[in-house]
Structures are given as structure tokens and as C-alpha cells.
C-alpha atoms as a PDB file:
ATOM      1  CA  UNK A   1       0.112   0.136  -0.019  1.00  0.00           C
ATOM      2  CA  UNK A   2       2.614   2.448   0.889  1.00  0.00           C
ATOM      3  CA  UNK A   3       4.525   1.680  -2.546  1.00  0.00           C
ATOM      4  CA  UNK A   4       1.376   2.515  -4.359  1.00  0.00           C
ATOM      5  CA  UNK A   5       0.725   5.534  -2.465  1.00  0.00           C
ATOM      6  CA  UNK A   6       4.447   6.438  -3.114  1.00  0.00           C
ATOM      7  CA  UNK A   7       4.107   6.103  -6.957  1.00  0.00           C
ATOM      8  CA  UNK A   8       0.887   8.450  -6.822  1.00  0.00           C
ATOM      9  CA  UNK A   9       2.229  11.034  -4.792  1.00  0.00           C
ATOM     10  CA  UNK A  10       5.482  11.075  -6.487  1.00  0.00           C
ATOM     11  CA  UNK A  11       3.719  11.346  -9.939  1.00  0.00           C
ATOM     12  CA  UNK A  12       1.767  14.156  -8.297  1.00  0.00           C
ATOM     13  CA  UNK A  13       4.950  16.150  -7.468  1.00  0.00           C
ATOM     14  CA  UNK A  14       6.432  15.504 -10.648  1.00  0.00           C
ATOM     15  CA  UNK A  15       3.548  16.751 -12.570  1.00  0.00           C
ATOM     16  CA  UNK A  16       3.180  19.937 -10.544  1.00  0.00           C
ATOM     17  CA  UNK A  17       6.895  20.764 -10.949  1.00  0.00           C
ATOM     18  CA  UNK A  18       6.730  20.027 -14.962  1.00  0.00           C
ATOM     19  CA  UNK A  19       3.456  21.965 -15.582  1.00  0.00           C
ATOM     20  CA  UNK A  20       4.816  25.288 -15.846  1.00  0.00           C
ATOM     21  CA  UNK A  21       7.617  24.269 -17.830  1.00  0.00           C
ATOM     22  CA  UNK A  22       5.275  22.389 -20.317  1.00  0.00           C
ATOM     23  CA  UNK A  23       2.702  25.543 -20.612  1.00  0.00           C
ATOM     24  CA  UNK A  24       5.750  27.643 -21.816  1.00  0.00           C
ATOM     25  CA  UNK A  25       7.359  24.979 -24.260  1.00  0.00           C
ATOM     26  CA  UNK A  26       4.181  24.119 -25.686  1.00  0.00           C
ATOM     27  CA  UNK A  27       3.039  27.723 -26.662  1.00  0.00           C
ATOM     28  CA  UNK A  28       6.557  28.873 -27.310  1.00  0.00           C
ATOM     29  CA  UNK A  29       8.802  26.152 -28.339  1.00  0.00           C
ATOM     30  CA  UNK A  30      11.428  27.541 -25.824  1.00  0.00           C
ATOM     31  CA  UNK A  31      12.568  25.616 -22.867  1.00  0.00           C
ATOM     32  CA  UNK A  32      12.650  28.066 -19.746  1.00  0.00           C
ATOM     33  CA  UNK A  33      15.895  26.950 -18.158  1.00  0.00           C
ATOM     34  CA  UNK A  34      15.092  29.769 -15.416  1.00  0.00           C
ATOM     35  CA  UNK A  35      12.368  27.293 -14.300  1.00  0.00           C
ATOM     36  CA  UNK A  36      14.424  25.907 -11.569  1.00  0.00           C
ATOM     37  CA  UNK A  37      15.103  29.313 -10.399  1.00  0.00           C
ATOM     38  CA  UNK A  38      11.307  29.953 -10.206  1.00  0.00           C
ATOM     39  CA  UNK A  39      10.700  26.822  -8.245  1.00  0.00           C
ATOM     40  CA  UNK A  40      13.375  28.233  -5.633  1.00  0.00           C
ATOM     41  CA  UNK A  41      11.550  31.429  -5.913  1.00  0.00           C
ATOM     42  CA  UNK A  42       8.310  29.755  -4.625  1.00  0.00           C
ATOM     43  CA  UNK A  43      10.245  27.954  -2.044  1.00  0.00           C
ATOM     44  CA  UNK A  44      11.647  31.152  -0.541  1.00  0.00           C
ATOM     45  CA  UNK A  45       8.182  32.580  -0.529  1.00  0.00           C
ATOM     46  CA  UNK A  46       7.089  29.700   1.952  1.00  0.00           C
ATOM     47  CA  UNK A  47      10.374  30.479   3.784  1.00  0.00           C
ATOM     48  CA  UNK A  48       9.348  34.050   4.325  1.00  0.00           C
ATOM     49  CA  UNK A  49       6.133  33.022   5.325  1.00  0.00           C
ATOM     50  CA  UNK A  50       7.451  30.681   8.006  1.00  0.00           C
ATOM     51  CA  UNK A  51       9.841  33.200   9.331  1.00  0.00           C
ATOM     52  CA  UNK A  52       6.891  35.893   9.740  1.00  0.00           C
ATOM     53  CA  UNK A  53       5.237  33.155  11.491  1.00  0.00           C
ATOM     54  CA  UNK A  54       2.144  33.529   9.129  1.00  0.00           C
ATOM     55  CA  UNK A  55      -0.487  30.845   8.039  1.00  0.00           C
ATOM     56  CA  UNK A  56       1.589  28.544   5.838  1.00  0.00           C
ATOM     57  CA  UNK A  57      -1.234  28.256   3.245  1.00  0.00           C
ATOM     58  CA  UNK A  58      -0.473  32.158   2.567  1.00  0.00           C
ATOM     59  CA  UNK A  59       2.757  31.028   0.903  1.00  0.00           C
ATOM     60  CA  UNK A  60       0.457  29.710  -2.108  1.00  0.00           C
ATOM     61  CA  UNK A  61      -1.054  33.176  -3.345  1.00  0.00           C
ATOM     62  CA  UNK A  62       2.250  34.867  -2.672  1.00  0.00           C
ATOM     63  CA  UNK A  63       4.152  32.299  -4.732  1.00  0.00           C
ATOM     64  CA  UNK A  64       1.809  32.802  -7.564  1.00  0.00           C
ATOM     65  CA  UNK A  65       1.946  36.546  -7.296  1.00  0.00           C
ATOM     66  CA  UNK A  66       5.633  36.698  -7.123  1.00  0.00           C
ATOM     67  CA  UNK A  67       6.094  34.172  -9.837  1.00  0.00           C
ATOM     68  CA  UNK A  68       3.708  36.151 -12.177  1.00  0.00           C
ATOM     69  CA  UNK A  69       5.507  39.443 -11.570  1.00  0.00           C
ATOM     70  CA  UNK A  70       8.926  37.738 -12.326  1.00  0.00           C
ATOM     71  CA  UNK A  71       7.574  36.011 -15.404  1.00  0.00           C
ATOM     72  CA  UNK A  72       6.114  39.368 -16.620  1.00  0.00           C
ATOM     73  CA  UNK A  73       9.607  41.159 -16.196  1.00  0.00           C
ATOM     74  CA  UNK A  74      11.565  38.191 -17.788  1.00  0.00           C
ATOM     75  CA  UNK A  75       9.176  37.910 -20.784  1.00  0.00           C
ATOM     76  CA  UNK A  76       9.085  41.728 -21.676  1.00  0.00           C
ATOM     77  CA  UNK A  77      12.844  42.261 -20.960  1.00  0.00           C
ATOM     78  CA  UNK A  78      14.797  38.957 -21.728  1.00  0.00           C
ATOM     79  CA  UNK A  79      12.744  36.435 -23.629  1.00  0.00           C
ATOM     80  CA  UNK A  80      10.847  38.622 -25.945  1.00  0.00           C
ATOM     81  CA  UNK A  81      13.487  39.654 -28.360  1.00  0.00           C
ATOM     82  CA  UNK A  82      14.590  36.012 -28.752  1.00  0.00           C
ATOM     83  CA  UNK A  83      11.616  34.276 -29.935  1.00  0.00           C
ATOM     84  CA  UNK A  84      13.123  33.659 -33.277  1.00  0.00           C
ATOM     85  CA  UNK A  85      16.328  32.581 -31.889  1.00  0.00           C
ATOM     86  CA  UNK A  86      15.228  29.713 -29.535  1.00  0.00           C
ATOM     87  CA  UNK A  87      19.037  28.463 -28.595  1.00  0.00           C
ATOM     88  CA  UNK A  88      19.633  32.118 -27.603  1.00  0.00           C
ATOM     89  CA  UNK A  89      16.444  31.863 -25.495  1.00  0.00           C
ATOM     90  CA  UNK A  90      17.608  28.763 -23.855  1.00  0.00           C
ATOM     91  CA  UNK A  91      20.941  30.283 -22.985  1.00  0.00           C
ATOM     92  CA  UNK A  92      19.582  33.538 -21.684  1.00  0.00           C
ATOM     93  CA  UNK A  93      17.079  31.962 -19.409  1.00  0.00           C
ATOM     94  CA  UNK A  94      19.893  29.414 -18.166  1.00  0.00           C
ATOM     95  CA  UNK A  95      21.848  32.587 -17.412  1.00  0.00           C
ATOM     96  CA  UNK A  96      18.998  34.255 -15.691  1.00  0.00           C
ATOM     97  CA  UNK A  97      18.659  30.966 -13.437  1.00  0.00           C
ATOM     98  CA  UNK A  98      22.054  31.528 -12.399  1.00  0.00           C
ATOM     99  CA  UNK A  99      21.693  35.251 -11.671  1.00  0.00           C
ATOM    100  CA  UNK A 100      18.592  34.576  -9.665  1.00  0.00           C
ATOM    101  CA  UNK A 101      20.274  31.954  -7.675  1.00  0.00           C
ATOM    102  CA  UNK A 102      22.993  34.437  -6.692  1.00  0.00           C
ATOM    103  CA  UNK A 103      20.463  37.015  -5.911  1.00  0.00           C
ATOM    104  CA  UNK A 104      18.835  34.363  -3.385  1.00  0.00           C
ATOM    105  CA  UNK A 105      22.310  33.553  -1.980  1.00  0.00           C
ATOM    106  CA  UNK A 106      22.732  37.345  -1.198  1.00  0.00           C
ATOM    107  CA  UNK A 107      19.225  37.940   0.170  1.00  0.00           C
ATOM    108  CA  UNK A 108      19.058  34.597   2.250  1.00  0.00           C
ATOM    109  CA  UNK A 109      22.599  33.225   2.486  1.00  0.00           C
ATOM    110  CA  UNK A 110      23.653  29.485   1.527  1.00  0.00           C
ATOM    111  CA  UNK A 111      22.168  27.675   4.581  1.00  0.00           C
ATOM    112  CA  UNK A 112      19.677  24.908   4.266  1.00  0.00           C
ATOM    113  CA  UNK A 113      16.299  26.073   5.690  1.00  0.00           C
ATOM    114  CA  UNK A 114      12.916  24.648   6.511  1.00  0.00           C
ATOM    115  CA  UNK A 115       9.514  25.684   5.948  1.00  0.00           C
ATOM    116  CA  UNK A 116       6.232  24.929   7.878  1.00  0.00           C
ATOM    117  CA  UNK A 117       3.872  22.122   6.668  1.00  0.00           C
ATOM    118  CA  UNK A 118       0.585  23.522   5.819  1.00  0.00           C
ATOM    119  CA  UNK A 119      -1.037  20.121   6.699  1.00  0.00           C
ATOM    120  CA  UNK A 120       0.308  18.080   9.502  1.00  0.00           C
ATOM    121  CA  UNK A 121      -0.220  14.552  10.692  1.00  0.00           C
ATOM    122  CA  UNK A 122      -1.141  11.488   8.757  1.00  0.00           C
ATOM    123  CA  UNK A 123      -4.238   9.588   7.419  1.00  0.00           C
ATOM    124  CA  UNK A 124      -4.731   5.993   7.811  1.00  0.00           C
ATOM    125  CA  UNK A 125      -5.422   4.172   4.433  1.00  0.00           C
ATOM    126  CA  UNK A 126      -6.199   0.419   4.677  1.00  0.00           C
ATOM    127  CA  UNK A 127      -4.457   0.310   8.139  1.00  0.00           C
ATOM    128  CA  UNK A 128      -1.472   2.468   6.768  1.00  0.00           C
ATOM    129  CA  UNK A 129      -0.598   5.593   8.086  1.00  0.00           C
ATOM    130  CA  UNK A 130       0.543   8.089   5.305  1.00  0.00           C
ATOM    131  CA  UNK A 131       1.679  11.611   5.230  1.00  0.00           C
ATOM    132  CA  UNK A 132      -1.540  13.634   4.973  1.00  0.00           C
ATOM    133  CA  UNK A 133       0.266  16.486   2.969  1.00  0.00           C
ATOM    134  CA  UNK A 134       1.539  14.115   0.251  1.00  0.00           C
ATOM    135  CA  UNK A 135      -1.832  12.864  -0.219  1.00  0.00           C
ATOM    136  CA  UNK A 136      -3.254  16.224  -0.605  1.00  0.00           C
ATOM    137  CA  UNK A 137      -0.953  16.650  -3.639  1.00  0.00           C
ATOM    138  CA  UNK A 138      -2.773  13.936  -5.634  1.00  0.00           C
ATOM    139  CA  UNK A 139      -5.965  15.762  -6.006  1.00  0.00           C
ATOM    140  CA  UNK A 140      -3.914  19.267  -6.605  1.00  0.00           C
ATOM    141  CA  UNK A 141      -1.925  17.537  -9.607  1.00  0.00           C
ATOM    142  CA  UNK A 142      -5.147  16.252 -10.970  1.00  0.00           C
ATOM    143  CA  UNK A 143      -6.984  19.546 -10.658  1.00  0.00           C
ATOM    144  CA  UNK A 144      -4.192  21.404 -12.155  1.00  0.00           C
ATOM    145  CA  UNK A 145      -4.007  18.945 -15.168  1.00  0.00           C
ATOM    146  CA  UNK A 146      -7.766  19.441 -15.560  1.00  0.00           C
ATOM    147  CA  UNK A 147      -7.794  23.214 -15.093  1.00  0.00           C
ATOM    148  CA  UNK A 148      -4.749  23.576 -17.795  1.00  0.00           C
ATOM    149  CA  UNK A 149      -6.442  21.131 -20.016  1.00  0.00           C
ATOM    150  CA  UNK A 150      -9.747  22.999 -19.957  1.00  0.00           C
ATOM    151  CA  UNK A 151      -7.901  26.332 -20.307  1.00  0.00           C
ATOM    152  CA  UNK A 152      -5.957  25.250 -23.423  1.00  0.00           C
ATOM    153  CA  UNK A 153      -8.661  23.301 -25.164  1.00  0.00           C
ATOM    154  CA  UNK A 154     -12.071  24.728 -24.139  1.00  0.00           C
ATOM    155  CA  UNK A 155     -11.574  28.571 -23.976  1.00  0.00           C
ATOM    156  CA  UNK A 156     -11.097  31.476 -26.291  1.00  0.00           C
ATOM    157  CA  UNK A 157      -7.716  31.906 -24.937  1.00  0.00           C
ATOM    158  CA  UNK A 158      -6.978  28.147 -25.577  1.00  0.00           C
ATOM    159  CA  UNK A 159      -8.226  28.465 -29.032  1.00  0.00           C
ATOM    160  CA  UNK A 160      -6.020  31.605 -29.882  1.00  0.00           C
ATOM    161  CA  UNK A 161      -3.006  29.686 -28.183  1.00  0.00           C
ATOM    162  CA  UNK A 162      -3.373  26.754 -30.380  1.00  0.00           C
ATOM    163  CA  UNK A 163      -3.568  28.983 -33.387  1.00  0.00           C
ATOM    164  CA  UNK A 164      -0.149  30.661 -32.399  1.00  0.00           C
ATOM    165  CA  UNK A 165       1.158  27.093 -31.803  1.00  0.00           C
ATOM    166  CA  UNK A 166      -0.062  25.741 -35.335  1.00  0.00           C
ATOM    167  CA  UNK A 167       0.649  28.921 -37.543  1.00  0.00           C
ATOM    168  CA  UNK A 168       1.944  32.252 -35.807  1.00  0.00           C
ATOM    169  CA  UNK A 169       1.927  34.195 -39.066  1.00  0.00           C
ATOM    170  CA  UNK A 170      -1.685  32.753 -40.164  1.00  0.00           C
ATOM    171  CA  UNK A 171      -3.110  33.480 -36.676  1.00  0.00           C
ATOM    172  CA  UNK A 172      -1.629  37.204 -36.645  1.00  0.00           C
ATOM    173  CA  UNK A 173      -3.245  37.593 -40.184  1.00  0.00           C
ATOM    174  CA  UNK A 174      -6.559  36.530 -38.473  1.00  0.00           C
ATOM    175  CA  UNK A 175      -6.072  39.371 -35.915  1.00  0.00           C
ATOM    176  CA  UNK A 176      -4.738  37.144 -32.927  1.00  0.00           C
ATOM    177  CA  UNK A 177      -2.104  39.235 -30.861  1.00  0.00           C
ATOM    178  CA  UNK A 178       0.408  36.557 -30.487  1.00  0.00           C
ATOM    179  CA  UNK A 179       2.706  38.701 -28.531  1.00  0.00           C
ATOM    180  CA  UNK A 180      -0.102  39.085 -25.946  1.00  0.00           C
ATOM    181  CA  UNK A 181      -0.511  35.315 -26.025  1.00  0.00           C
ATOM    182  CA  UNK A 182       3.149  34.741 -25.352  1.00  0.00           C
ATOM    183  CA  UNK A 183       3.189  37.221 -22.565  1.00  0.00           C
ATOM    184  CA  UNK A 184       0.264  35.742 -20.759  1.00  0.00           C
ATOM    185  CA  UNK A 185       1.588  32.306 -21.560  1.00  0.00           C
ATOM    186  CA  UNK A 186       5.104  32.893 -20.099  1.00  0.00           C
ATOM    187  CA  UNK A 187       3.798  34.492 -16.997  1.00  0.00           C
ATOM    188  CA  UNK A 188       1.283  31.781 -16.226  1.00  0.00           C
ATOM    189  CA  UNK A 189       4.155  29.082 -16.660  1.00  0.00           C
ATOM    190  CA  UNK A 190       6.264  31.374 -14.043  1.00  0.00           C
ATOM    191  CA  UNK A 191       3.314  31.619 -11.889  1.00  0.00           C
ATOM    192  CA  UNK A 192       2.891  27.644 -12.035  1.00  0.00           C
ATOM    193  CA  UNK A 193       6.574  27.295 -11.559  1.00  0.00           C
ATOM    194  CA  UNK A 194       6.753  29.393  -8.329  1.00  0.00           C
ATOM    195  CA  UNK A 195       3.556  27.651  -7.004  1.00  0.00           C
ATOM    196  CA  UNK A 196       5.199  24.166  -7.544  1.00  0.00           C
ATOM    197  CA  UNK A 197       8.317  25.618  -5.476  1.00  0.00           C
ATOM    198  CA  UNK A 198       5.858  26.220  -2.602  1.00  0.00           C
ATOM    199  CA  UNK A 199       4.188  23.028  -2.895  1.00  0.00           C
ATOM    200  CA  UNK A 200       7.003  20.900  -2.700  1.00  0.00           C
ATOM    201  CA  UNK A 201       9.151  22.475   0.087  1.00  0.00           C
ATOM    202  CA  UNK A 202       7.439  21.011   3.050  1.00  0.00           C
ATOM    203  CA  UNK A 203       8.531  17.643   1.416  1.00  0.00           C
ATOM    204  CA  UNK A 204      12.203  18.690   1.462  1.00  0.00           C
ATOM    205  CA  UNK A 205      14.611  21.577   2.789  1.00  0.00           C
ATOM    206  CA  UNK A 206      15.116  24.956   1.054  1.00  0.00           C
ATOM    207  CA  UNK A 207      18.374  26.077  -0.425  1.00  0.00           C
ATOM    208  CA  UNK A 208      19.615  28.325  -3.557  1.00  0.00           C
ATOM    209  CA  UNK A 209      20.348  25.186  -5.804  1.00  0.00           C
ATOM    210  CA  UNK A 210      17.072  23.163  -4.970  1.00  0.00           C
ATOM    211  CA  UNK A 211      15.776  23.844  -8.064  1.00  0.00           C
ATOM    212  CA  UNK A 212      18.487  22.374 -10.397  1.00  0.00           C
ATOM    213  CA  UNK A 213      17.631  18.736 -10.063  1.00  0.00           C
ATOM    214  CA  UNK A 214      13.914  19.369 -10.330  1.00  0.00           C
ATOM    215  CA  UNK A 215      14.611  21.292 -13.881  1.00  0.00           C
ATOM    216  CA  UNK A 216      16.627  18.562 -15.297  1.00  0.00           C
ATOM    217  CA  UNK A 217      13.537  15.958 -14.591  1.00  0.00           C
ATOM    218  CA  UNK A 218      11.071  18.421 -15.806  1.00  0.00           C
ATOM    219  CA  UNK A 219      13.104  18.980 -18.804  1.00  0.00           C
ATOM    220  CA  UNK A 220      13.256  15.240 -19.533  1.00  0.00           C
ATOM    221  CA  UNK A 221       9.444  14.581 -18.956  1.00  0.00           C
ATOM    222  CA  UNK A 222       8.589  17.773 -21.037  1.00  0.00           C
ATOM    223  CA  UNK A 223      10.860  16.325 -23.794  1.00  0.00           C
ATOM    224  CA  UNK A 224       9.034  13.037 -23.713  1.00  0.00           C
ATOM    225  CA  UNK A 225       5.297  14.042 -23.231  1.00  0.00           C
ATOM    226  CA  UNK A 226       5.271  16.370 -25.930  1.00  0.00           C
ATOM    227  CA  UNK A 227       2.622  19.401 -25.903  1.00  0.00           C
ATOM    228  CA  UNK A 228      -0.405  17.608 -24.103  1.00  0.00           C
ATOM    229  CA  UNK A 229      -1.184  17.916 -20.390  1.00  0.00           C
ATOM    230  CA  UNK A 230      -2.872  14.560 -20.235  1.00  0.00           C
ATOM    231  CA  UNK A 231       0.196  13.098 -21.892  1.00  0.00           C
ATOM    232  CA  UNK A 232       2.604  14.774 -19.305  1.00  0.00           C
ATOM    233  CA  UNK A 233       0.223  13.402 -16.452  1.00  0.00           C
ATOM    234  CA  UNK A 234       0.667   9.992 -17.976  1.00  0.00           C
ATOM    235  CA  UNK A 235       4.680  10.324 -18.314  1.00  0.00           C
ATOM    236  CA  UNK A 236       4.874  11.629 -14.837  1.00  0.00           C
ATOM    237  CA  UNK A 237       3.012   8.237 -13.607  1.00  0.00           C
ATOM    238  CA  UNK A 238       4.851   5.954 -15.538  1.00  0.00           C
ATOM    239  CA  UNK A 239       8.300   7.757 -14.858  1.00  0.00           C
ATOM    240  CA  UNK A 240       7.443   8.430 -11.048  1.00  0.00           C
ATOM    241  CA  UNK A 241       6.572   4.598 -10.746  1.00  0.00           C
ATOM    242  CA  UNK A 242       9.823   3.406 -12.171  1.00  0.00           C
ATOM    243  CA  UNK A 243      11.687   5.994 -10.004  1.00  0.00           C
ATOM    244  CA  UNK A 244       9.972   4.886  -6.767  1.00  0.00           C
ATOM    245  CA  UNK A 245      10.391   1.042  -7.760  1.00  0.00           C
ATOM    246  CA  UNK A 246      14.091   1.688  -8.628  1.00  0.00           C
ATOM    247  CA  UNK A 247      14.835   3.587  -5.457  1.00  0.00           C
ATOM    248  CA  UNK A 248      12.844   1.087  -3.078  1.00  0.00           C
ATOM    249  CA  UNK A 249      14.331  -2.221  -4.539  1.00  0.00           C
ATOM    250  CA  UNK A 250      17.770  -1.183  -5.901  1.00  0.00           C
ATOM    251  CA  UNK A 251      19.144   2.225  -4.629  1.00  0.00           C
ATOM    252  CA  UNK A 252      18.090   5.633  -3.879  1.00  0.00           C
ATOM    253  CA  UNK A 253      21.098   7.120  -6.060  1.00  0.00           C
ATOM    254  CA  UNK A 254      19.995   4.918  -9.278  1.00  0.00           C
ATOM    255  CA  UNK A 255      16.346   6.076  -8.475  1.00  0.00           C
ATOM    256  CA  UNK A 256      17.550   9.664  -8.819  1.00  0.00           C
ATOM    257  CA  UNK A 257      18.895   8.957 -12.139  1.00  0.00           C
ATOM    258  CA  UNK A 258      15.896   6.804 -13.663  1.00  0.00           C
ATOM    259  CA  UNK A 259      13.974   9.559 -15.278  1.00  0.00           C
ATOM    260  CA  UNK A 260      17.198  10.899 -17.295  1.00  0.00           C
ATOM    261  CA  UNK A 261      17.796   7.366 -18.273  1.00  0.00           C
ATOM    262  CA  UNK A 262      14.148   6.335 -19.250  1.00  0.00           C
ATOM    263  CA  UNK A 263      13.691   9.615 -21.077  1.00  0.00           C
ATOM    264  CA  UNK A 264      16.972   9.140 -23.290  1.00  0.00           C
ATOM    265  CA  UNK A 265      15.803   5.525 -23.924  1.00  0.00           C
ATOM    266  CA  UNK A 266      12.172   6.684 -24.921  1.00  0.00           C
ATOM    267  CA  UNK A 267      13.583   9.388 -26.937  1.00  0.00           C
ATOM    268  CA  UNK A 268      15.971   7.109 -28.975  1.00  0.00           C
ATOM    269  CA  UNK A 269      12.861   5.109 -29.837  1.00  0.00           C
ATOM    270  CA  UNK A 270      10.304   7.876 -30.254  1.00  0.00           C
ATOM    271  CA  UNK A 271      12.342  11.044 -31.210  1.00  0.00           C
ATOM    272  CA  UNK A 272       8.883  13.385 -30.884  1.00  0.00           C
ATOM    273  CA  UNK A 273       7.956  11.790 -27.584  1.00  0.00           C
ATOM    274  CA  UNK A 274       4.829  10.136 -26.586  1.00  0.00           C
ATOM    275  CA  UNK A 275       2.010  12.742 -27.862  1.00  0.00           C
ATOM    276  CA  UNK A 276       3.163  12.400 -31.433  1.00  0.00           C
ATOM    277  CA  UNK A 277       1.996   9.484 -33.325  1.00  0.00           C
END
């Protein structure tokens, strides 16, 4: 039972962490390598809330606001001039991630910090006690998936977004403001990244470099799953299950490498990932 719950909660965490990166990649074809830094910003939002002895739940809206503001600034100042130069955009966002990391070190130091858990205690499932907070992340991930899928497929914004993805010149000819779509999308992706940082911090510690390992996993998952939120959810479930099984029965060190190895193997067989026939 514990193993099954570990698999489900690990898949939920992976999806929450990767959703923001997927939104930006899906619309802009740009891999936002500042995503790890955005996770870290969200984590430090939680840390500030803990230090001020406020209700831990306040860190969620705070992270969304901070992430959105940072996303708006980054899109306007750094990413916008680089849309046609995706490699330059990758390098620019990677450099930005390093700069944000250094600013965090200057503000908070390099020490490992801890944050308050919004939901304490455990829940008994089939006679097994399990972390209540980890369990909450399962409906959060499913809700996030449903919300993003509905936004991108069932709304006017979603239709315009898909038009920009398929043929930006044609979309612009139809009067769709592609620049605004990109601006909103990047800000949304940044907000999701920062929110993810806040959601995962009660499960681990907070430090200036915490976003990097998550960025690697998220990047691999996005490359494999293509542009679909449901495909991403399924990929997170499969890869998360493999990671938990390897960590439990073989070695935690190898477990940490599972996603990277599986992603490389999958892309070797299916270079365009799962969501492309």
C-alpha cells in the first residue's frame, strides 16, 4: 500500500513541478531554463511566510503573485527579443537562472532552511498511516491538469493559443495578438513554476540550488510527453513509478537517475515523444 501511495504522490509532485515548463514550451517552443530558479523563488516565498510566523497556506497565493511578476518582467525584458532564436533564449534563461540563484544567496545566504507544513499529521488508509500533505498533492495535481487542459482546449484563450502554436503568421493575419498570447503564457508558466516550488518545499529543505535537480527531471518529462497535459500526467505516472521502484528495490542513487535514463531511452525509440503518433 505504501508503495502504491509513494508512486501516486511522486507522480503528482513530478506533474506539479513540470506543468509550468510544459505551458511555456507548448506555446513558445522555448525551454525555460530559469524554471528551476522560479521553483526556488516559490520555495523562498514559503520560507518568508514561515519566518514571519504567518499561516503556511498564505505562501501559495504569495508564490503565484511573485512568480507572475517575475514572469512578466522576464518575458518583456529577456525572452521577447529572442522568440525567433530559441537557442539564444535557452542560454538567456539559463543565465537568468544563475543570476536569480545568486540574488537569493545574497538575500538569504547559502544555509539549508526548512518551512512549516500547511497540513500536519497522517491519514490511515487500509491500516497504513501516510503523510496527509503528500496525499493532498494527488488531487492538486489532478485539478491542475484538468484546469490547464480546460484552459488550453475549452476557452477562447486556448483557441488563440493553439492557433499561435500551429501557425503564428496565419494567426496574426486573423487578428490574434500573438505577442499578448506569449506574454500571458510565459507569465502563467512562471506562476505555476513558483507555485510548484511552494508546494514541494514541505517535503524537502530549501536552499538556493534546490531547483536544479527538479529542472533536469522536468525538462526530460516535457521532452518525452510532447505538448499535451494528459500526456504529461501519464508520463509522470509511468516515470514516477519506475523511479520509486528503483529507489525502493535497487538504490536511491540509481532512483535519482531513473527519469533521465528512461527519457533518453524513450527519445531514442520515439524522437518526438509520446504525444506524437
